[in-house]
């Protein structure tokens, strides 16, 4: 079974600092392109005594693009949070399965690479969720 480190999902070519610098350079380039387009429309609007609507559309488009980028960053952070939570739950279920007595779930006989092991993991997660739900209902 491959773990996150084995699969290379936690590794990257770039350090966090270099990744931050690359993101900053891309943002500056994007803002420069947006500013150039808006400036070009503005010059055209002044020269032709029209096209002011195009300037307005360009400004609104720039704002929409920047908001979209911010939403993507927020979504990426949410995905990372959900992934970490799911990994923690799977690790907890694996620990429960490995601690189970051979008579309880026959966990000692199942290899971690088999499909039965994953069925047991899912079963353990479901039982734990049911237990948590019951305990919440009992507390009320």
Protein backbone atom coordinates (compact mmCIF):
# COMPACT_ATOMS: atom_id res chain seq x y z
CA UNK A 1 0.00 0.00 0.00
CA UNK A 2 1.48 3.35 -0.92
CA UNK A 3 1.40 6.13 1.56
CA UNK A 4 1.35 9.77 0.70
CA UNK A 5 5.13 10.04 0.99
CA UNK A 6 5.63 6.93 -1.15
CA UNK A 7 3.43 8.34 -3.89
CA UNK A 8 5.33 11.60 -3.89
CA UNK A 9 2.27 13.69 -3.11
CA UNK A 10 3.97 15.43 -0.21
CA UNK A 11 7.12 16.17 -2.17
CA UNK A 12 7.64 18.99 -4.59
CA UNK A 13 10.51 20.30 -6.62
CA UNK A 14 10.23 23.74 -5.11
CA UNK A 15 10.53 24.86 -1.53
CA UNK A 16 7.66 26.83 -0.03
CA UNK A 17 9.65 30.05 -0.36
CA UNK A 18 10.37 29.51 -4.07
CA UNK A 19 6.72 28.56 -4.67
CA UNK A 20 5.64 31.77 -2.96
CA UNK A 21 8.03 33.80 -5.12
CA UNK A 22 6.75 32.10 -8.30
CA UNK A 23 3.15 32.82 -7.29
CA UNK A 24 4.04 36.44 -6.60
CA UNK A 25 5.78 36.82 -9.98
CA UNK A 26 2.74 35.32 -11.75
CA UNK A 27 0.41 37.69 -9.89
CA UNK A 28 2.56 40.70 -10.81
CA UNK A 29 2.63 39.58 -14.46
CA UNK A 30 -1.16 39.13 -14.47
CA UNK A 31 -1.71 42.56 -12.91
CA UNK A 32 0.73 44.08 -15.44
CA UNK A 33 -1.20 42.56 -18.35
CA UNK A 34 -4.51 43.72 -16.89
CA UNK A 35 -3.13 47.23 -16.32
CA UNK A 36 -1.73 47.35 -19.86
CA UNK A 37 -5.07 46.38 -21.38
CA UNK A 38 -6.97 48.90 -19.27
CA UNK A 39 -4.41 51.61 -20.09
CA UNK A 40 -4.69 50.81 -23.80
CA UNK A 41 -8.47 51.03 -23.66
CA UNK A 42 -8.18 54.29 -21.72
CA UNK A 43 -5.86 55.82 -24.35
CA UNK A 44 -8.20 54.64 -27.11
CA UNK A 45 -11.18 56.11 -25.23
CA UNK A 46 -9.48 59.50 -24.87
CA UNK A 47 -8.25 59.56 -28.48
CA UNK A 48 -11.53 58.44 -30.04
CA UNK A 49 -13.72 60.26 -27.51
CA UNK A 50 -15.59 57.02 -26.95
CA UNK A 51 -14.85 53.46 -25.83
CA UNK A 52 -15.42 54.40 -22.18
CA UNK A 53 -17.71 51.41 -21.90
CA UNK A 54 -14.78 49.18 -22.94
CA UNK A 55 -12.69 50.66 -20.13
CA UNK A 56 -15.47 49.93 -17.65
CA UNK A 57 -15.80 46.34 -18.90
CA UNK A 58 -12.02 45.87 -18.66
CA UNK A 59 -11.96 47.14 -15.06
CA UNK A 60 -14.89 44.90 -14.07
CA UNK A 61 -13.23 41.95 -15.82
CA UNK A 62 -9.99 42.56 -13.94
CA UNK A 63 -11.83 42.60 -10.62
CA UNK A 64 -13.67 39.37 -11.52
CA UNK A 65 -10.40 37.65 -12.49
CA UNK A 66 -8.73 38.64 -9.20
CA UNK A 67 -11.75 37.48 -7.18
CA UNK A 68 -11.70 34.18 -9.07
CA UNK A 69 -8.03 33.68 -8.23
CA UNK A 70 -8.75 34.37 -4.57
CA UNK A 71 -11.59 31.83 -4.61
CA UNK A 72 -9.29 29.22 -6.14
CA UNK A 73 -6.72 29.78 -3.39
CA UNK A 74 -9.43 29.39 -0.75
CA UNK A 75 -10.74 26.21 -2.42
CA UNK A 76 -7.24 24.74 -2.58
CA UNK A 77 -6.78 25.39 1.12
CA UNK A 78 -10.15 23.74 1.87
CA UNK A 79 -9.18 20.69 -0.19
CA UNK A 80 -5.93 20.38 1.74
CA UNK A 81 -7.84 20.59 5.02
CA UNK A 82 -10.33 17.93 3.96
CA UNK A 83 -7.54 15.70 2.69
CA UNK A 84 -5.65 16.00 6.00
CA UNK A 85 -8.84 15.19 7.92
CA UNK A 86 -9.55 12.12 5.76
CA UNK A 87 -5.95 10.91 6.14
CA UNK A 88 -6.22 11.33 9.91
CA UNK A 89 -9.45 9.29 9.98
CA UNK A 90 -7.92 6.52 7.88
CA UNK A 91 -4.84 6.42 10.12
CA UNK A 92 -7.08 6.21 13.18
CA UNK A 93 -9.08 3.39 11.58
CA UNK A 94 -5.87 1.54 10.70
CA UNK A 95 -4.72 1.89 14.29
CA UNK A 96 -8.04 0.49 15.52
CA UNK A 97 -7.86 -2.41 13.07
CA UNK A 98 -4.30 -3.21 14.07
CA UNK A 99 -5.22 -3.06 17.79
CA UNK A 100 -8.22 -5.38 17.35
CA UNK A 101 -7.95 -8.79 18.96
CA UNK A 102 -7.72 -11.74 16.54
CA UNK A 103 -11.05 -13.09 17.82
CA UNK A 104 -12.87 -9.79 17.35
CA UNK A 105 -12.44 -8.94 13.68
CA UNK A 106 -9.76 -11.38 12.54
CA UNK A 107 -7.58 -8.32 11.87
CA UNK A 108 -4.39 -10.30 12.42
CA UNK A 109 -5.18 -12.57 9.46
CA UNK A 110 -5.76 -9.79 6.92
CA UNK A 111 -2.89 -8.34 4.95
CA UNK A 112 -2.83 -4.54 4.57
CA UNK A 113 -2.63 -4.88 0.77
CA UNK A 114 -5.85 -6.90 0.42
CA UNK A 115 -9.35 -5.68 -0.41
CA UNK A 116 -10.66 -7.24 2.81
CA UNK A 117 -8.38 -4.93 4.78
CA UNK A 118 -9.99 -1.90 3.16
CA UNK A 119 -13.44 -3.33 3.78
CA UNK A 120 -12.49 -3.66 7.42
CA UNK A 121 -11.17 -0.08 7.45
CA UNK A 122 -14.41 1.25 5.99
CA UNK A 123 -16.40 -0.86 8.44
CA UNK A 124 -14.35 0.51 11.31
CA UNK A 125 -14.91 4.07 10.12
CA UNK A 126 -18.66 3.45 9.78
CA UNK A 127 -18.89 1.86 13.25
CA UNK A 128 -16.94 4.75 14.74
CA UNK A 129 -19.20 7.29 13.01
CA UNK A 130 -22.28 5.45 14.30
CA UNK A 131 -20.78 5.39 17.80
CA UNK A 132 -20.09 9.13 17.62
CA UNK A 133 -23.63 9.79 16.38
CA UNK A 134 -25.13 7.70 19.20
CA UNK A 135 -23.03 9.47 21.81
CA UNK A 136 -24.16 12.87 20.50
CA UNK A 137 -27.80 11.74 20.63
CA UNK A 138 -27.32 10.38 24.18
CA UNK A 139 -25.83 13.68 25.34
CA UNK A 140 -28.91 15.57 24.18
